PDB file of N, CA and C in Angstrom:
ATOM      1  N   MET A   1       7.025  54.099 -23.159  1.00  0.00           N
ATOM      2  CA  MET A   1       7.802  52.940 -22.758  1.00  0.00           C
ATOM      3  C   MET A   1       6.971  51.688 -23.011  1.00  0.00           C
ATOM      4  N   HIS A   2       7.577  50.729 -23.646  1.00  0.00           N
ATOM      5  CA  HIS A   2       6.868  49.488 -23.924  1.00  0.00           C
ATOM      6  C   HIS A   2       7.683  48.315 -23.410  1.00  0.00           C
ATOM      7  N   GLY A   3       7.170  47.658 -22.412  1.00  0.00           N
ATOM      8  CA  GLY A   3       7.813  46.484 -21.842  1.00  0.00           C
ATOM      9  C   GLY A   3       6.752  45.457 -21.520  1.00  0.00           C
ATOM     10  N   THR A   4       7.144  44.453 -20.786  1.00  0.00           N
ATOM     11  CA  THR A   4       6.207  43.390 -20.443  1.00  0.00           C
ATOM     12  C   THR A   4       5.362  43.710 -19.224  1.00  0.00           C
ATOM     13  N   PHE A   5       5.790  44.632 -18.388  1.00  0.00           N
ATOM     14  CA  PHE A   5       5.063  44.985 -17.166  1.00  0.00           C
ATOM     15  C   PHE A   5       4.166  46.175 -17.456  1.00  0.00           C
ATOM     16  N   LYS A   6       2.891  45.996 -17.235  1.00  0.00           N
ATOM     17  CA  LYS A   6       1.919  47.066 -17.461  1.00  0.00           C
ATOM     18  C   LYS A   6       1.347  47.501 -16.123  1.00  0.00           C
ATOM     19  N   THR A   7       1.272  48.798 -15.921  1.00  0.00           N
ATOM     20  CA  THR A   7       0.744  49.346 -14.682  1.00  0.00           C
ATOM     21  C   THR A   7       0.017  50.646 -14.982  1.00  0.00           C
ATOM     22  N   LYS A   8      -0.989  50.943 -14.178  1.00  0.00           N
ATOM     23  CA  LYS A   8      -1.693  52.219 -14.320  1.00  0.00           C
ATOM     24  C   LYS A   8      -0.887  53.350 -13.703  1.00  0.00           C
ATOM     25  N   ALA A   9      -0.031  53.006 -12.746  1.00  0.00           N
ATOM     26  CA  ALA A   9       0.820  54.009 -12.093  1.00  0.00           C
ATOM     27  C   ALA A   9       1.953  54.414 -13.033  1.00  0.00           C
ATOM     28  N   ASP A  10       2.528  55.556 -12.777  1.00  0.00           N
ATOM     29  CA  ASP A  10       3.712  55.995 -13.501  1.00  0.00           C
ATOM     30  C   ASP A  10       4.783  54.916 -13.319  1.00  0.00           C
ATOM     31  N   PRO A  11       5.323  54.337 -14.397  1.00  0.00           N
ATOM     32  CA  PRO A  11       6.318  53.273 -14.237  1.00  0.00           C
ATOM     33  C   PRO A  11       7.581  53.721 -13.519  1.00  0.00           C
ATOM     34  N   LEU A  12       7.819  55.022 -13.459  1.00  0.00           N
ATOM     35  CA  LEU A  12       8.980  55.548 -12.751  1.00  0.00           C
ATOM     36  C   LEU A  12       8.563  56.063 -11.377  1.00  0.00           C
ATOM     37  N   SER A  13       7.742  55.250 -10.700  1.00  0.00           N
ATOM     38  CA  SER A  13       7.283  55.597  -9.355  1.00  0.00           C
ATOM     39  C   SER A  13       7.517  54.420  -8.418  1.00  0.00           C
ATOM     40  N   ILE A  14       7.603  54.726  -7.142  1.00  0.00           N
ATOM     41  CA  ILE A  14       7.764  53.676  -6.137  1.00  0.00           C
ATOM     42  C   ILE A  14       6.531  52.770  -6.147  1.00  0.00           C
ATOM     43  N   GLU A  15       5.350  53.327  -6.378  1.00  0.00           N
ATOM     44  CA  GLU A  15       4.121  52.519  -6.423  1.00  0.00           C
ATOM     45  C   GLU A  15       4.211  51.438  -7.493  1.00  0.00           C
ATOM     46  N   ALA A  16       4.653  51.808  -8.684  1.00  0.00           N
ATOM     47  CA  ALA A  16       4.785  50.832  -9.769  1.00  0.00           C
ATOM     48  C   ALA A  16       5.852  49.796  -9.431  1.00  0.00           C
ATOM     49  N   LEU A  17       6.957  50.232  -8.866  1.00  0.00           N
ATOM     50  CA  LEU A  17       8.020  49.303  -8.477  1.00  0.00           C
ATOM     51  C   LEU A  17       7.503  48.303  -7.447  1.00  0.00           C
ATOM     52  N   ILE A  18       6.739  48.774  -6.468  1.00  0.00           N
ATOM     53  CA  ILE A  18       6.181  47.875  -5.457  1.00  0.00           C
ATOM     54  C   ILE A  18       5.278  46.836  -6.113  1.00  0.00           C
ATOM     55  N   THR A  19       4.430  47.266  -7.020  1.00  0.00           N
ATOM     56  CA  THR A  19       3.545  46.327  -7.729  1.00  0.00           C
ATOM     57  C   THR A  19       4.369  45.273  -8.462  1.00  0.00           C
ATOM     58  N   TRP A  20       5.431  45.700  -9.136  1.00  0.00           N
ATOM     59  CA  TRP A  20       6.291  44.765  -9.866  1.00  0.00           C
ATOM     60  C   TRP A  20       6.985  43.803  -8.903  1.00  0.00           C
ATOM     61  N   LEU A  21       7.504  44.328  -7.803  1.00  0.00           N
ATOM     62  CA  LEU A  21       8.196  43.474  -6.822  1.00  0.00           C
ATOM     63  C   LEU A  21       7.248  42.434  -6.234  1.00  0.00           C
ATOM     64  N   GLU A  22       5.983  42.793  -6.053  1.00  0.00           N
ATOM     65  CA  GLU A  22       5.000  41.849  -5.524  1.00  0.00           C
ATOM     66  C   GLU A  22       4.766  40.679  -6.478  1.00  0.00           C
ATOM     67  N   LEU A  23       5.061  40.864  -7.747  1.00  0.00           N
ATOM     68  CA  LEU A  23       4.890  39.812  -8.751  1.00  0.00           C
ATOM     69  C   LEU A  23       6.109  38.897  -8.878  1.00  0.00           C
ATOM     70  N   GLN A  24       7.218  39.291  -8.248  1.00  0.00           N
ATOM     71  CA  GLN A  24       8.454  38.506  -8.334  1.00  0.00           C
ATOM     72  C   GLN A  24       8.476  37.461  -7.217  1.00  0.00           C
ATOM     73  N   PRO A  25       9.188  36.338  -7.453  1.00  0.00           N
ATOM     74  CA  PRO A  25       9.317  35.347  -6.373  1.00  0.00           C
ATOM     75  C   PRO A  25      10.130  35.935  -5.224  1.00  0.00           C
ATOM     76  N   GLY A  26       9.498  36.102  -4.079  1.00  0.00           N
ATOM     77  CA  GLY A  26      10.107  36.792  -2.952  1.00  0.00           C
ATOM     78  C   GLY A  26      11.434  36.234  -2.511  1.00  0.00           C
ATOM     79  N   GLU A  27      11.572  34.908  -2.531  1.00  0.00           N
ATOM     80  CA  GLU A  27      12.794  34.277  -2.042  1.00  0.00           C
ATOM     81  C   GLU A  27      13.936  34.316  -3.061  1.00  0.00           C
ATOM     82  N   ALA A  28      13.619  34.685  -4.295  1.00  0.00           N
ATOM     83  CA  ALA A  28      14.643  34.708  -5.347  1.00  0.00           C
ATOM     84  C   ALA A  28      15.634  35.841  -5.086  1.00  0.00           C
ATOM     85  N   ALA A  29      16.892  35.529  -5.245  1.00  0.00           N
ATOM     86  CA  ALA A  29      17.957  36.506  -5.049  1.00  0.00           C
ATOM     87  C   ALA A  29      18.349  37.138  -6.381  1.00  0.00           C
ATOM     88  N   TYR A  30      18.905  38.328  -6.307  1.00  0.00           N
ATOM     89  CA  TYR A  30      19.473  38.988  -7.474  1.00  0.00           C
ATOM     90  C   TYR A  30      20.880  39.436  -7.100  1.00  0.00           C
ATOM     91  N   CYS A  31      21.722  39.559  -8.106  1.00  0.00           N
ATOM     92  CA  CYS A  31      23.093  40.009  -7.875  1.00  0.00           C
ATOM     93  C   CYS A  31      23.154  41.505  -8.171  1.00  0.00           C
ATOM     94  N   TYR A  32      23.391  42.292  -7.145  1.00  0.00           N
ATOM     95  CA  TYR A  32      23.410  43.747  -7.310  1.00  0.00           C
ATOM     96  C   TYR A  32      24.494  44.197  -8.286  1.00  0.00           C
ATOM     97  N   SER A  33      25.616  43.519  -8.318  1.00  0.00           N
ATOM     98  CA  SER A  33      26.738  43.962  -9.150  1.00  0.00           C
ATOM     99  C   SER A  33      26.700  43.433 -10.582  1.00  0.00           C
ATOM    100  N   SER A  34      25.695  42.675 -10.945  1.00  0.00           N
ATOM    101  CA  SER A  34      25.559  42.167 -12.307  1.00  0.00           C
ATOM    102  C   SER A  34      24.738  43.163 -13.119  1.00  0.00           C
ATOM    103  N   VAL A  35      25.419  44.011 -13.859  1.00  0.00           N
ATOM    104  CA  VAL A  35      24.782  45.141 -14.531  1.00  0.00           C
ATOM    105  C   VAL A  35      23.563  44.735 -15.366  1.00  0.00           C
ATOM    106  N   GLY A  36      23.613  43.648 -16.064  1.00  0.00           N
ATOM    107  CA  GLY A  36      22.495  43.254 -16.916  1.00  0.00           C
ATOM    108  C   GLY A  36      21.397  42.491 -16.201  1.00  0.00           C
ATOM    109  N   HIS A  37      21.675  42.021 -14.991  1.00  0.00           N
ATOM    110  CA  HIS A  37      20.707  41.161 -14.295  1.00  0.00           C
ATOM    111  C   HIS A  37      20.358  41.645 -12.893  1.00  0.00           C
ATOM    112  N   CYS A  38      20.851  42.806 -12.516  1.00  0.00           N
ATOM    113  CA  CYS A  38      20.537  43.332 -11.190  1.00  0.00           C
ATOM    114  C   CYS A  38      19.064  43.728 -11.131  1.00  0.00           C
ATOM    115  N   LEU A  39      18.595  44.021  -9.952  1.00  0.00           N
ATOM    116  CA  LEU A  39      17.191  44.390  -9.787  1.00  0.00           C
ATOM    117  C   LEU A  39      16.827  45.588 -10.659  1.00  0.00           C
ATOM    118  N   ALA A  40      17.645  46.620 -10.657  1.00  0.00           N
ATOM    119  CA  ALA A  40      17.343  47.825 -11.438  1.00  0.00           C
ATOM    120  C   ALA A  40      17.265  47.512 -12.929  1.00  0.00           C
ATOM    121  N   ALA A  41      18.174  46.685 -13.429  1.00  0.00           N
ATOM    122  CA  ALA A  41      18.148  46.316 -14.847  1.00  0.00           C
ATOM    123  C   ALA A  41      16.899  45.502 -15.177  1.00  0.00           C
ATOM    124  N   GLN A  42      16.546  44.569 -14.303  1.00  0.00           N
ATOM    125  CA  GLN A  42      15.356  43.743 -14.540  1.00  0.00           C
ATOM    126  C   GLN A  42      14.092  44.600 -14.554  1.00  0.00           C
ATOM    127  N   TYR A  43      13.980  45.525 -13.611  1.00  0.00           N
ATOM    128  CA  TYR A  43      12.793  46.374 -13.574  1.00  0.00           C
ATOM    129  C   TYR A  43      12.729  47.265 -14.807  1.00  0.00           C
ATOM    130  N   ASN A  44      13.831  47.920 -15.135  1.00  0.00           N
ATOM    131  CA  ASN A  44      13.844  48.794 -16.311  1.00  0.00           C
ATOM    132  C   ASN A  44      13.508  48.028 -17.579  1.00  0.00           C
ATOM    133  N   LYS A  45      14.025  46.831 -17.723  1.00  0.00           N
ATOM    134  CA  LYS A  45      13.703  46.016 -18.897  1.00  0.00           C
ATOM    135  C   LYS A  45      12.205  45.710 -18.938  1.00  0.00           C
ATOM    136  N   SER A  46      11.623  45.434 -17.775  1.00  0.00           N
ATOM    137  CA  SER A  46      10.206  45.078 -17.739  1.00  0.00           C
ATOM    138  C   SER A  46       9.300  46.231 -18.164  1.00  0.00           C
ATOM    139  N   ILE A  47       9.774  47.474 -18.007  1.00  0.00           N
ATOM    140  CA  ILE A  47       8.977  48.628 -18.426  1.00  0.00           C
ATOM    141  C   ILE A  47       9.438  49.170 -19.781  1.00  0.00           C
ATOM    142  N   GLY A  48      10.367  48.470 -20.421  1.00  0.00           N
ATOM    143  CA  GLY A  48      10.825  48.865 -21.747  1.00  0.00           C
ATOM    144  C   GLY A  48      11.746  50.071 -21.740  1.00  0.00           C
ATOM    145  N   ARG A  49      12.494  50.224 -20.677  1.00  0.00           N
ATOM    146  CA  ARG A  49      13.397  51.371 -20.519  1.00  0.00           C
ATOM    147  C   ARG A  49      14.826  50.880 -20.475  1.00  0.00           C
ATOM    148  N   LYS A  50      15.700  51.601 -21.175  1.00  0.00           N
ATOM    149  CA  LYS A  50      17.110  51.247 -21.140  1.00  0.00           C
ATOM    150  C   LYS A  50      17.668  51.545 -19.750  1.00  0.00           C
ATOM    151  N   TYR A  51      18.388  50.587 -19.206  1.00  0.00           N
ATOM    152  CA  TYR A  51      18.969  50.740 -17.873  1.00  0.00           C
ATOM    153  C   TYR A  51      20.337  51.377 -17.966  1.00  0.00           C
ATOM    154  N   MET A  52      20.523  52.431 -17.184  1.00  0.00           N
ATOM    155  CA  MET A  52      21.812  53.093 -17.084  1.00  0.00           C
ATOM    156  C   MET A  52      22.186  53.117 -15.613  1.00  0.00           C
ATOM    157  N   PRO A  53      23.230  52.369 -15.214  1.00  0.00           N
ATOM    158  CA  PRO A  53      23.632  52.386 -13.804  1.00  0.00           C
ATOM    159  C   PRO A  53      23.918  53.805 -13.332  1.00  0.00           C
ATOM    160  N   VAL A  54      23.483  54.090 -12.109  1.00  0.00           N
ATOM    161  CA  VAL A  54      23.703  55.420 -11.539  1.00  0.00           C
ATOM    162  C   VAL A  54      24.310  55.284 -10.154  1.00  0.00           C
ATOM    163  N   LEU A  55      24.998  56.302  -9.753  1.00  0.00           N
ATOM    164  CA  LEU A  55      25.429  56.396  -8.362  1.00  0.00           C
ATOM    165  C   LEU A  55      24.269  57.021  -7.617  1.00  0.00           C
ATOM    166  N   TYR A  56      23.894  56.415  -6.522  1.00  0.00           N
ATOM    167  CA  TYR A  56      22.713  56.902  -5.814  1.00  0.00           C
ATOM    168  C   TYR A  56      23.085  57.880  -4.713  1.00  0.00           C
ATOM    169  N   ASP A  57      22.096  58.655  -4.326  1.00  0.00           N
ATOM    170  CA  ASP A  57      22.196  59.457  -3.119  1.00  0.00           C
ATOM    171  C   ASP A  57      20.929  59.210  -2.309  1.00  0.00           C
ATOM    172  N   ARG A  58      20.783  59.823  -1.185  1.00  0.00           N
ATOM    173  CA  ARG A  58      19.656  59.509  -0.296  1.00  0.00           C
ATOM    174  C   ARG A  58      18.329  60.075  -0.775  1.00  0.00           C
ATOM    175  N   ALA A  59      18.361  61.071  -1.578  1.00  0.00           N
ATOM    176  CA  ALA A  59      17.132  61.664  -2.096  1.00  0.00           C
ATOM    177  C   ALA A  59      17.274  61.743  -3.605  1.00  0.00           C
ATOM    178  N   GLY A  60      16.308  62.279  -4.246  1.00  0.00           N
ATOM    179  CA  GLY A  60      16.463  62.491  -5.672  1.00  0.00           C
ATOM    180  C   GLY A  60      15.470  61.746  -6.513  1.00  0.00           C
ATOM    181  N   ASN A  61      15.887  61.475  -7.716  1.00  0.00           N
ATOM    182  CA  ASN A  61      14.968  60.915  -8.695  1.00  0.00           C
ATOM    183  C   ASN A  61      14.720  59.420  -8.493  1.00  0.00           C
ATOM    184  N   PHE A  62      13.866  58.879  -9.342  1.00  0.00           N
ATOM    185  CA  PHE A  62      13.477  57.478  -9.228  1.00  0.00           C
ATOM    186  C   PHE A  62      14.683  56.543  -9.314  1.00  0.00           C
ATOM    187  N   ASP A  63      15.599  56.794 -10.240  1.00  0.00           N
ATOM    188  CA  ASP A  63      16.754  55.907 -10.389  1.00  0.00           C
ATOM    189  C   ASP A  63      17.588  55.850  -9.112  1.00  0.00           C
ATOM    190  N   ASN A  64      17.740  56.967  -8.447  1.00  0.00           N
ATOM    191  CA  ASN A  64      18.487  56.974  -7.178  1.00  0.00           C
ATOM    192  C   ASN A  64      17.768  56.133  -6.131  1.00  0.00           C
ATOM    193  N   LYS A  65      16.449  56.275  -6.062  1.00  0.00           N
ATOM    194  CA  LYS A  65      15.667  55.497  -5.105  1.00  0.00           C
ATOM    195  C   LYS A  65      15.734  54.010  -5.432  1.00  0.00           C
ATOM    196  N   LEU A  66      15.645  53.676  -6.719  1.00  0.00           N
ATOM    197  CA  LEU A  66      15.720  52.280  -7.148  1.00  0.00           C
ATOM    198  C   LEU A  66      17.064  51.668  -6.759  1.00  0.00           C
ATOM    199  N   GLU A  67      18.140  52.386  -6.976  1.00  0.00           N
ATOM    200  CA  GLU A  67      19.466  51.871  -6.605  1.00  0.00           C
ATOM    201  C   GLU A  67      19.573  51.682  -5.093  1.00  0.00           C
ATOM    202  N   TRP A  68      19.027  52.620  -4.329  1.00  0.00           N
ATOM    203  CA  TRP A  68      19.063  52.492  -2.870  1.00  0.00           C
ATOM    204  C   TRP A  68      18.302  51.246  -2.432  1.00  0.00           C
ATOM    205  N   ILE A  69      17.128  51.035  -2.987  1.00  0.00           N
ATOM    206  CA  ILE A  69      16.315  49.863  -2.652  1.00  0.00           C
ATOM    207  C   ILE A  69      17.066  48.589  -2.999  1.00  0.00           C
ATOM    208  N   ALA A  70      17.719  48.587  -4.145  1.00  0.00           N
ATOM    209  CA  ALA A  70      18.401  47.384  -4.629  1.00  0.00           C
ATOM    210  C   ALA A  70      19.649  47.023  -3.828  1.00  0.00           C
ATOM    211  N   CYS A  71      20.366  48.015  -3.328  1.00  0.00           N
ATOM    212  CA  CYS A  71      21.686  47.706  -2.753  1.00  0.00           C
ATOM    213  C   CYS A  71      21.738  47.586  -1.241  1.00  0.00           C
ATOM    214  N   HIS A  72      20.733  48.005  -0.538  1.00  0.00           N
ATOM    215  CA  HIS A  72      20.763  47.950   0.926  1.00  0.00           C
ATOM    216  C   HIS A  72      20.038  46.716   1.442  1.00  0.00           C
ATOM    217  N   GLY A  73      20.700  45.975   2.298  1.00  0.00           N
ATOM    218  CA  GLY A  73      20.047  44.829   2.932  1.00  0.00           C
ATOM    219  C   GLY A  73      20.058  43.572   2.086  1.00  0.00           C
ATOM    220  N   GLU A  74      19.171  42.670   2.455  1.00  0.00           N
ATOM    221  CA  GLU A  74      19.062  41.364   1.806  1.00  0.00           C
ATOM    222  C   GLU A  74      18.759  41.541   0.316  1.00  0.00           C
ATOM    223  N   ARG A  75      19.494  40.853  -0.516  1.00  0.00           N
ATOM    224  CA  ARG A  75      19.337  41.005  -1.963  1.00  0.00           C
ATOM    225  C   ARG A  75      18.393  39.951  -2.535  1.00  0.00           C
ATOM    226  N   THR A  76      17.182  39.982  -2.018  1.00  0.00           N
ATOM    227  CA  THR A  76      16.094  39.160  -2.559  1.00  0.00           C
ATOM    228  C   THR A  76      14.978  40.120  -2.944  1.00  0.00           C
ATOM    229  N   PHE A  77      14.045  39.627  -3.759  1.00  0.00           N
ATOM    230  CA  PHE A  77      12.930  40.478  -4.143  1.00  0.00           C
ATOM    231  C   PHE A  77      12.066  40.828  -2.932  1.00  0.00           C
ATOM    232  N   ALA A  78      11.934  39.913  -1.979  1.00  0.00           N
ATOM    233  CA  ALA A  78      11.173  40.204  -0.758  1.00  0.00           C
ATOM    234  C   ALA A  78      11.860  41.305   0.051  1.00  0.00           C
ATOM    235  N   GLY A  79      13.181  41.242   0.139  1.00  0.00           N
ATOM    236  CA  GLY A  79      13.925  42.281   0.849  1.00  0.00           C
ATOM    237  C   GLY A  79      13.768  43.633   0.165  1.00  0.00           C
ATOM    238  N   ALA A  80      13.861  43.635  -1.157  1.00  0.00           N
ATOM    239  CA  ALA A  80      13.696  44.883  -1.907  1.00  0.00           C
ATOM    240  C   ALA A  80      12.273  45.418  -1.757  1.00  0.00           C
ATOM    241  N   LEU A  81      11.294  44.534  -1.744  1.00  0.00           N
ATOM    242  CA  LEU A  81       9.903  44.950  -1.557  1.00  0.00           C
ATOM    243  C   LEU A  81       9.728  45.629  -0.198  1.00  0.00           C
ATOM    244  N   ALA A  82      10.289  45.047   0.835  1.00  0.00           N
ATOM    245  CA  ALA A  82      10.187  45.635   2.171  1.00  0.00           C
ATOM    246  C   ALA A  82      10.824  47.023   2.197  1.00  0.00           C
ATOM    247  N   ARG A  83      11.976  47.182   1.555  1.00  0.00           N
ATOM    248  CA  ARG A  83      12.641  48.495   1.520  1.00  0.00           C
ATOM    249  C   ARG A  83      11.843  49.501   0.715  1.00  0.00           C
ATOM    250  N   ALA A  84      11.248  49.053  -0.387  1.00  0.00           N
ATOM    251  CA  ALA A  84      10.432  49.957  -1.210  1.00  0.00           C
ATOM    252  C   ALA A  84       9.212  50.443  -0.434  1.00  0.00           C
ATOM    253  N   ILE A  85       8.588  49.549   0.306  1.00  0.00           N
ATOM    254  CA  ILE A  85       7.425  49.922   1.128  1.00  0.00           C
ATOM    255  C   ILE A  85       7.842  50.917   2.203  1.00  0.00           C
ATOM    256  N   THR A  86       8.976  50.668   2.839  1.00  0.00           N
ATOM    257  CA  THR A  86       9.482  51.587   3.856  1.00  0.00           C
ATOM    258  C   THR A  86       9.772  52.962   3.255  1.00  0.00           C
ATOM    259  N   LEU A  87      10.377  52.977   2.077  1.00  0.00           N
ATOM    260  CA  LEU A  87      10.695  54.249   1.415  1.00  0.00           C
ATOM    261  C   LEU A  87       9.413  54.982   1.053  1.00  0.00           C
ATOM    262  N   ARG A  88       8.394  54.262   0.589  1.00  0.00           N
ATOM    263  CA  ARG A  88       7.128  54.891   0.229  1.00  0.00           C
ATOM    264  C   ARG A  88       6.509  55.581   1.451  1.00  0.00           C
ATOM    265  N   VAL A  89       6.586  54.931   2.594  1.00  0.00           N
ATOM    266  CA  VAL A  89       6.014  55.492   3.825  1.00  0.00           C
ATOM    267  C   VAL A  89       6.776  56.753   4.235  1.00  0.00           C
ATOM    268  N   LYS A  90       8.087  56.768   4.039  1.00  0.00           N
ATOM    269  CA  LYS A  90       8.908  57.915   4.452  1.00  0.00           C
ATOM    270  C   LYS A  90       8.783  59.106   3.510  1.00  0.00           C
ATOM    271  N   CYS A  91       8.382  58.856   2.282  1.00  0.00           N
ATOM    272  CA  CYS A  91       8.322  59.958   1.292  1.00  0.00           C
ATOM    273  C   CYS A  91       7.011  60.661   1.327  1.00  0.00           C
TER     274      CYS A  91
END
């Protein structure tokens, strides 16, 4: 995968997502329903991965976790960061 975001962690991990979210302006909002500009699309683009919207469930693969983080609660990068940290602690 070749994108603009470089990380030593697996790019399809909560750790990498947290690192990326920490680099985003916390107060900036994203539109969850904007397929090309939602949080999941922005993150996937940054790691050079094609974004495919998925229906999420409570457990499962990285894409399911990413969708859960993106759609629950405040739709800002700070809100998503807080949810990602909470999910990391629970997993």
